[in-house]
């Protein structure tokens, strides 16, 4: 049974989202129905197969025993002038305890997915291919903290996961050298401080929006780039000279959307042109941002081996791996 505080939070979110679903779909919804749907989806899908489902989606022909797979075609859009790469790890964590609240949220979101993308539920960003990505999770003084796939016990979130069964896909985004440096400084500013917080209530906000998109929205507005967001949704350009202008409450995916919107022009333009709001981004949405290119798949435990194999196959990336 879910903790009382979780049920209370879900019920409160259901009440606020009832009116939005009615406006978007003209269907009257009962908040208890939404609650039952979401919780039931999470509980039901706990029993489904989860081992290597991402590998099957990423490379259906890969041998069953393979613990990593390199992308066969790594091609990026052209950029004028000097360029560099930003790196992202999108995870399918396999939790040690199936009743861990993050597992229920993960499976509920999986049940409401509308885009044809692998099942991924946590995201992190880095500026090299080394196994020390920045991910925003609940717990600890520094909630934006380094995540090591091969050494999960070093992170309060990752220690709840099995590194041999958990999966990840590493992506890269080609940006100008200036955008790379700006993004790096922007993220490191947050990582060095303690102001940024993982706002767990946003998971329910995104979950209920996803339920509405899946079950109560026309198919014309279910795919990323066509979604109609609530009128209250917004994107914010930060005044980087004003320390008080930075936002501090996110979940992992909305933080990365916020970072890209404020530092990478192509992403900012895409969001504005398609009226995409980063405060409602889920993890799989990040993989659909134009220019986001998959590099390789691996289990968490085999990430270092996969990264080394990737730079051997694509020497251009050798400068981004130091171990």
Foldseek 3Di string as FASTA:
>chain_A
DDDPVVLVLLLVLLVVCQVVLCVFQVDRDDSVVLSCLLQVQLVVCLPPDDFCQQVCLVPVPDDPPDQKDFDPDFDFDDDPDAKAKKKKKFKDFAFPDCVPVLSSLQRSLVVLADDSHGRTFFMFIDRFLDQWTFGADADDQQRRGTAGLQCRVVDPVSVRTDLSRMKIWMKMFMAHPQLSVQLVVVSVVSRVHRQAHEPVSLSSNLSSVSNSLRPRHDPQQNDPLRHDDDPPFDADAAPVVDPVRDDHYAHGQLVVLNSCCHRGVLQVVSCVVSVNGSSNDGSRSVCVRHRITTTMMGRSSCSVVNVVVSCVVVVVSVVRDDD
